[in-house]
Amino acid sequence: MTTESPVIVEPSEYTCPGHPHPISRSIHLSRLAAFYPACRECPHRDDTGGLAGTTIDRLVRTRHRVARATLFTSEGVRGIHRNELTRTDADRLVAALAWLCWRDRPRALLRNP
């Protein structure tokens, strides 16, 4: 009778759903701990490594949440920085706001002194 420990084989690389580039296991674990939305669809979402028990419990409870259909609400823009609201999104929103401010500027600014 042998008492060998089972061998756990971890993937050599992880790729987040919807992302083209592979990531390391440490990034995978940090994204899991930060509740990165793509992790809900990740085939490796059960690989929680050494995450705290409370974090794992929260991951299990939040697994079935529905992703937002849009970042825009009647009160403004809502999104989790770096997870739902990317730098490109923020750039586009700021550019649109600047354009609106420029378009609606007071007439007094249009006159030449």
Foldseek 3Di string as FASTA:
>chain_A
DDDDDDDDDDDQWFDFPPGDDTDGVVVVLVCLLVPQVSLLVGPCVVCNDPDDPVSVVVSVVCSPDDDDPAQADPVGGDDDEPRGQDPVNVVVVVVVVVVVCVVPPDVVVVDDD
